[in-house]
């Protein structure tokens, strides 16, 4: 049972990490690049951060 809890916590940590990286990407798009804020931009930043974390996690190609 503790393996299941550890796996759930690990997946939640990855979700939070993607959220933090996505928020940083969102702020970079808003402030220096002056893109208009929208939900679509926020979703795209979050999705791209998740994909980037998956690529980093998978190791060398």
PDB file of N, CA and C in Angstrom:
ATOM      1  N   UNK A   1       0.819  -1.192   0.000  1.00  0.00           N
ATOM      2  CA  UNK A   1       0.000   0.000   0.000  1.00  0.00           C
ATOM      3  C   UNK A   1       0.868   1.262   0.000  1.00  0.00           C
ATOM      4  N   UNK A   2       2.036   1.174   0.649  1.00  0.00           N
ATOM      5  CA  UNK A   2       2.881   2.371   0.700  1.00  0.00           C
ATOM      6  C   UNK A   2       3.484   2.675  -0.674  1.00  0.00           C
ATOM      7  N   UNK A   3       3.663   1.630  -1.516  1.00  0.00           N
ATOM      8  CA  UNK A   3       4.156   1.870  -2.871  1.00  0.00           C
ATOM      9  C   UNK A   3       3.144   2.672  -3.681  1.00  0.00           C
ATOM     10  N   UNK A   4       1.862   2.375  -3.479  1.00  0.00           N
ATOM     11  CA  UNK A   4       0.807   3.096  -4.170  1.00  0.00           C
ATOM     12  C   UNK A   4       0.775   4.554  -3.740  1.00  0.00           C
ATOM     13  N   UNK A   5       0.912   4.792  -2.452  1.00  0.00           N
ATOM     14  CA  UNK A   5       0.921   6.170  -1.943  1.00  0.00           C
ATOM     15  C   UNK A   5       2.137   6.916  -2.466  1.00  0.00           C
ATOM     16  N   UNK A   6       3.292   6.264  -2.497  1.00  0.00           N
ATOM     17  CA  UNK A   6       4.500   6.896  -3.025  1.00  0.00           C
ATOM     18  C   UNK A   6       4.345   7.236  -4.502  1.00  0.00           C
ATOM     19  N   UNK A   7       3.729   6.340  -5.255  1.00  0.00           N
ATOM     20  CA  UNK A   7       3.522   6.586  -6.687  1.00  0.00           C
ATOM     21  C   UNK A   7       2.556   7.756  -6.908  1.00  0.00           C
ATOM     22  N   UNK A   8       1.511   7.822  -6.117  1.00  0.00           N
ATOM     23  CA  UNK A   8       0.563   8.940  -6.218  1.00  0.00           C
ATOM     24  C   UNK A   8       1.256  10.247  -5.879  1.00  0.00           C
ATOM     25  N   UNK A   9       2.049  10.266  -4.826  1.00  0.00           N
ATOM     26  CA  UNK A   9       2.765  11.487  -4.432  1.00  0.00           C
ATOM     27  C   UNK A   9       3.780  11.901  -5.484  1.00  0.00           C
ATOM     28  N   UNK A  10       4.441  10.925  -6.107  1.00  0.00           N
ATOM     29  CA  UNK A  10       5.398  11.227  -7.162  1.00  0.00           C
ATOM     30  C   UNK A  10       4.694  11.860  -8.360  1.00  0.00           C
ATOM     31  N   UNK A  11       3.551  11.320  -8.742  1.00  0.00           N
ATOM     32  CA  UNK A  11       2.809  11.887  -9.871  1.00  0.00           C
ATOM     33  C   UNK A  11       2.276  13.276  -9.543  1.00  0.00           C
ATOM     34  N   UNK A  12       1.839  13.498  -8.316  1.00  0.00           N
ATOM     35  CA  UNK A  12       1.383  14.829  -7.914  1.00  0.00           C
ATOM     36  C   UNK A  12       2.540  15.826  -7.898  1.00  0.00           C
ATOM     37  N   UNK A  13       3.717  15.382  -7.500  1.00  0.00           N
ATOM     38  CA  UNK A  13       4.884  16.261  -7.504  1.00  0.00           C
ATOM     39  C   UNK A  13       5.239  16.667  -8.926  1.00  0.00           C
ATOM     40  N   UNK A  14       5.112  15.737  -9.873  1.00  0.00           N
ATOM     41  CA  UNK A  14       5.376  16.073 -11.276  1.00  0.00           C
ATOM     42  C   UNK A  14       4.352  17.072 -11.793  1.00  0.00           C
ATOM     43  N   UNK A  15       3.110  16.933 -11.369  1.00  0.00           N
ATOM     44  CA  UNK A  15       2.058  17.863 -11.768  1.00  0.00           C
ATOM     45  C   UNK A  15       2.329  19.259 -11.222  1.00  0.00           C
ATOM     46  N   UNK A  16       2.760  19.334  -9.985  1.00  0.00           N
ATOM     47  CA  UNK A  16       3.091  20.629  -9.377  1.00  0.00           C
ATOM     48  C   UNK A  16       4.312  21.238 -10.061  1.00  0.00           C
ATOM     49  N   UNK A  17       5.307  20.423 -10.363  1.00  0.00           N
ATOM     50  CA  UNK A  17       6.499  20.927 -11.056  1.00  0.00           C
ATOM     51  C   UNK A  17       6.133  21.456 -12.435  1.00  0.00           C
ATOM     52  N   UNK A  18       5.256  20.759 -13.146  1.00  0.00           N
ATOM     53  CA  UNK A  18       4.807  21.251 -14.451  1.00  0.00           C
ATOM     54  C   UNK A  18       4.040  22.554 -14.301  1.00  0.00           C
ATOM     55  N   UNK A  19       3.280  22.684 -13.242  1.00  0.00           N
ATOM     56  CA  UNK A  19       2.557  23.927 -12.990  1.00  0.00           C
ATOM     57  C   UNK A  19       3.494  25.093 -12.722  1.00  0.00           C
ATOM     58  N   UNK A  20       4.550  24.856 -11.982  1.00  0.00           N
ATOM     59  CA  UNK A  20       5.512  25.917 -11.676  1.00  0.00           C
ATOM     60  C   UNK A  20       6.274  26.326 -12.938  1.00  0.00           C
ATOM     61  N   UNK A  21       6.742  25.351 -13.700  1.00  0.00           N
ATOM     62  CA  UNK A  21       7.458  25.667 -14.941  1.00  0.00           C
ATOM     63  C   UNK A  21       6.519  26.344 -15.942  1.00  0.00           C
ATOM     64  N   UNK A  22       5.268  25.889 -15.991  1.00  0.00           N
ATOM     65  CA  UNK A  22       4.283  26.517 -16.863  1.00  0.00           C
ATOM     66  C   UNK A  22       3.997  27.948 -16.473  1.00  0.00           C
ATOM     67  N   UNK A  23       3.938  28.214 -15.172  1.00  0.00           N
ATOM     68  CA  UNK A  23       3.725  29.590 -14.707  1.00  0.00           C
ATOM     69  C   UNK A  23       4.897  30.487 -15.079  1.00  0.00           C
ATOM     70  N   UNK A  24       6.101  29.957 -15.004  1.00  0.00           N
ATOM     71  CA  UNK A  24       7.279  30.731 -15.406  1.00  0.00           C
ATOM     72  C   UNK A  24       7.234  31.027 -16.900  1.00  0.00           C
ATOM     73  N   UNK A  25       6.871  30.013 -17.697  1.00  0.00           N
ATOM     74  CA  UNK A  25       6.739  30.234 -19.140  1.00  0.00           C
ATOM     75  C   UNK A  25       5.653  31.263 -19.442  1.00  0.00           C
ATOM     76  N   UNK A  26       4.558  31.206 -18.707  1.00  0.00           N
ATOM     77  CA  UNK A  26       3.454  32.154 -18.884  1.00  0.00           C
ATOM     78  C   UNK A  26       3.909  33.580 -18.589  1.00  0.00           C
ATOM     79  N   UNK A  27       4.648  33.744 -17.504  1.00  0.00           N
ATOM     80  CA  UNK A  27       5.152  35.080 -17.159  1.00  0.00           C
ATOM     81  C   UNK A  27       6.162  35.582 -18.182  1.00  0.00           C
ATOM     82  N   UNK A  28       6.982  34.681 -18.704  1.00  0.00           N
ATOM     83  CA  UNK A  28       7.932  35.079 -19.748  1.00  0.00           C
ATOM     84  C   UNK A  28       7.178  35.520 -21.001  1.00  0.00           C
ATOM     85  N   UNK A  29       6.094  34.824 -21.323  1.00  0.00           N
ATOM     86  CA  UNK A  29       5.314  35.207 -22.506  1.00  0.00           C
ATOM     87  C   UNK A  29       4.600  36.534 -22.290  1.00  0.00           C
ATOM     88  N   UNK A  30       4.169  36.799 -21.060  1.00  0.00           N
ATOM     89  CA  UNK A  30       3.418  38.027 -20.796  1.00  0.00           C
ATOM     90  C   UNK A  30       4.305  39.262 -20.717  1.00  0.00           C
ATOM     91  N   UNK A  31       5.355  39.199 -19.929  1.00  0.00           N
ATOM     92  CA  UNK A  31       6.126  40.412 -19.639  1.00  0.00           C
ATOM     93  C   UNK A  31       7.078  40.780 -20.780  1.00  0.00           C
ATOM     94  N   UNK A  32       8.096  39.978 -21.091  1.00  0.00           N
ATOM     95  CA  UNK A  32       9.024  40.432 -22.131  1.00  0.00           C
ATOM     96  C   UNK A  32       8.443  40.345 -23.548  1.00  0.00           C
ATOM     97  N   UNK A  33       7.635  39.318 -23.813  1.00  0.00           N
ATOM     98  CA  UNK A  33       7.137  39.118 -25.171  1.00  0.00           C
ATOM     99  C   UNK A  33       5.836  39.873 -25.436  1.00  0.00           C
ATOM    100  N   UNK A  34       5.196  40.366 -24.387  1.00  0.00           N
ATOM    101  CA  UNK A  34       3.978  41.181 -24.447  1.00  0.00           C
ATOM    102  C   UNK A  34       2.849  40.490 -25.210  1.00  0.00           C
ATOM    103  N   UNK A  35       2.634  39.211 -24.927  1.00  0.00           N
ATOM    104  CA  UNK A  35       1.518  38.463 -25.493  1.00  0.00           C
ATOM    105  C   UNK A  35       0.303  38.720 -24.619  1.00  0.00           C
ATOM    106  N   UNK A  36      -0.862  38.855 -25.222  1.00  0.00           N
ATOM    107  CA  UNK A  36      -2.061  39.127 -24.428  1.00  0.00           C
ATOM    108  C   UNK A  36      -2.423  37.896 -23.590  1.00  0.00           C
ATOM    109  N   UNK A  37      -2.767  38.100 -22.326  1.00  0.00           N
ATOM    110  CA  UNK A  37      -3.068  36.965 -21.451  1.00  0.00           C
ATOM    111  C   UNK A  37      -4.392  36.300 -21.838  1.00  0.00           C
ATOM    112  N   UNK A  38      -4.387  34.985 -21.815  1.00  0.00           N
ATOM    113  CA  UNK A  38      -5.601  34.225 -22.091  1.00  0.00           C
ATOM    114  C   UNK A  38      -5.485  32.854 -21.446  1.00  0.00           C
ATOM    115  N   UNK A  39      -6.626  32.200 -21.344  1.00  0.00           N
ATOM    116  CA  UNK A  39      -6.619  30.845 -20.799  1.00  0.00           C
ATOM    117  C   UNK A  39      -5.889  29.896 -21.739  1.00  0.00           C
ATOM    118  N   UNK A  40      -6.033  30.115 -23.036  1.00  0.00           N
ATOM    119  CA  UNK A  40      -5.368  29.257 -24.026  1.00  0.00           C
ATOM    120  C   UNK A  40      -3.847  29.335 -23.875  1.00  0.00           C
ATOM    121  N   UNK A  41      -3.320  30.539 -23.656  1.00  0.00           N
ATOM    122  CA  UNK A  41      -1.877  30.702 -23.456  1.00  0.00           C
ATOM    123  C   UNK A  41      -1.434  29.977 -22.192  1.00  0.00           C
ATOM    124  N   UNK A  42      -2.221  30.101 -21.120  1.00  0.00           N
ATOM    125  CA  UNK A  42      -1.873  29.426 -19.872  1.00  0.00           C
ATOM    126  C   UNK A  42      -1.895  27.911 -20.052  1.00  0.00           C
ATOM    127  N   UNK A  43      -2.894  27.392 -20.761  1.00  0.00           N
ATOM    128  CA  UNK A  43      -2.981  25.948 -20.991  1.00  0.00           C
ATOM    129  C   UNK A  43      -1.818  25.461 -21.845  1.00  0.00           C
ATOM    130  N   UNK A  44      -1.471  26.217 -22.873  1.00  0.00           N
ATOM    131  CA  UNK A  44      -0.348  25.825 -23.726  1.00  0.00           C
ATOM    132  C   UNK A  44       0.974  25.836 -22.953  1.00  0.00           C
ATOM    133  N   UNK A  45       1.159  26.820 -22.088  1.00  0.00           N
ATOM    134  CA  UNK A  45       2.382  26.865 -21.270  1.00  0.00           C
ATOM    135  C   UNK A  45       2.445  25.673 -20.328  1.00  0.00           C
ATOM    136  N   UNK A  46       1.300  25.307 -19.725  1.00  0.00           N
ATOM    137  CA  UNK A  46       1.268  24.184 -18.794  1.00  0.00           C
ATOM    138  C   UNK A  46       1.532  22.872 -19.531  1.00  0.00           C
ATOM    139  N   UNK A  47       0.927  22.709 -20.699  1.00  0.00           N
ATOM    140  CA  UNK A  47       1.130  21.487 -21.479  1.00  0.00           C
ATOM    141  C   UNK A  47       2.578  21.381 -21.957  1.00  0.00           C
ATOM    142  N   UNK A  48       3.139  22.481 -22.438  1.00  0.00           N
ATOM    143  CA  UNK A  48       4.529  22.435 -22.898  1.00  0.00           C
ATOM    144  C   UNK A  48       5.492  22.180 -21.744  1.00  0.00           C
ATOM    145  N   UNK A  49       5.192  22.700 -20.568  1.00  0.00           N
ATOM    146  CA  UNK A  49       6.037  22.413 -19.406  1.00  0.00           C
ATOM    147  C   UNK A  49       5.948  20.938 -19.034  1.00  0.00           C
ATOM    148  N   UNK A  50       4.756  20.351 -19.119  1.00  0.00           N
ATOM    149  CA  UNK A  50       4.605  18.919 -18.841  1.00  0.00           C
ATOM    150  C   UNK A  50       5.375  18.059 -19.821  1.00  0.00           C
ATOM    151  N   UNK A  51       5.316  18.422 -21.092  1.00  0.00           N
ATOM    152  CA  UNK A  51       6.061  17.678 -22.114  1.00  0.00           C
ATOM    153  C   UNK A  51       7.564  17.820 -21.888  1.00  0.00           C
ATOM    154  N   UNK A  52       8.002  19.018 -21.539  1.00  0.00           N
ATOM    155  CA  UNK A  52       9.428  19.227 -21.278  1.00  0.00           C
ATOM    156  C   UNK A  52       9.889  18.389 -20.081  1.00  0.00           C
ATOM    157  N   UNK A  53       9.062  18.324 -19.039  1.00  0.00           N
ATOM    158  CA  UNK A  53       9.433  17.498 -17.893  1.00  0.00           C
ATOM    159  C   UNK A  53       9.480  16.016 -18.273  1.00  0.00           C
ATOM    160  N   UNK A  54       8.575  15.559 -19.118  1.00  0.00           N
ATOM    161  CA  UNK A  54       8.625  14.167 -19.562  1.00  0.00           C
ATOM    162  C   UNK A  54       9.871  13.884 -20.382  1.00  0.00           C
ATOM    163  N   UNK A  55      10.285  14.836 -21.223  1.00  0.00           N
ATOM    164  CA  UNK A  55      11.494  14.650 -22.016  1.00  0.00           C
ATOM    165  C   UNK A  55      12.740  14.611 -21.146  1.00  0.00           C
ATOM    166  N   UNK A  56      12.781  15.463 -20.123  1.00  0.00           N
ATOM    167  CA  UNK A  56      13.934  15.486 -19.224  1.00  0.00           C
ATOM    168  C   UNK A  56      13.973  14.208 -18.391  1.00  0.00           C
ATOM    169  N   UNK A  57      12.807  13.737 -17.999  1.00  0.00           N
ATOM    170  CA  UNK A  57      12.737  12.543 -17.157  1.00  0.00           C
ATOM    171  C   UNK A  57      13.144  11.291 -17.907  1.00  0.00           C
ATOM    172  N   UNK A  58      12.865  11.222 -19.205  1.00  0.00           N
ATOM    173  CA  UNK A  58      13.118  10.002 -19.955  1.00  0.00           C
ATOM    174  C   UNK A  58      14.607   9.740 -20.192  1.00  0.00           C
ATOM    175  N   UNK A  59      15.431  10.714 -19.968  1.00  0.00           N
ATOM    176  CA  UNK A  59      16.869  10.509 -20.092  1.00  0.00           C
ATOM    177  C   UNK A  59      17.383  10.757 -21.501  1.00  0.00           C
ATOM    178  N   UNK A  60      18.618  10.335 -21.761  1.00  0.00           N
ATOM    179  CA  UNK A  60      19.199  10.574 -23.088  1.00  0.00           C
ATOM    180  C   UNK A  60      18.476   9.784 -24.172  1.00  0.00           C
ATOM    181  N   UNK A  61      18.478  10.351 -25.347  1.00  0.00           N
ATOM    182  CA  UNK A  61      17.755   9.739 -26.466  1.00  0.00           C
ATOM    183  C   UNK A  61      18.531   8.570 -27.027  1.00  0.00           C
TER     184      UNK A  61
END
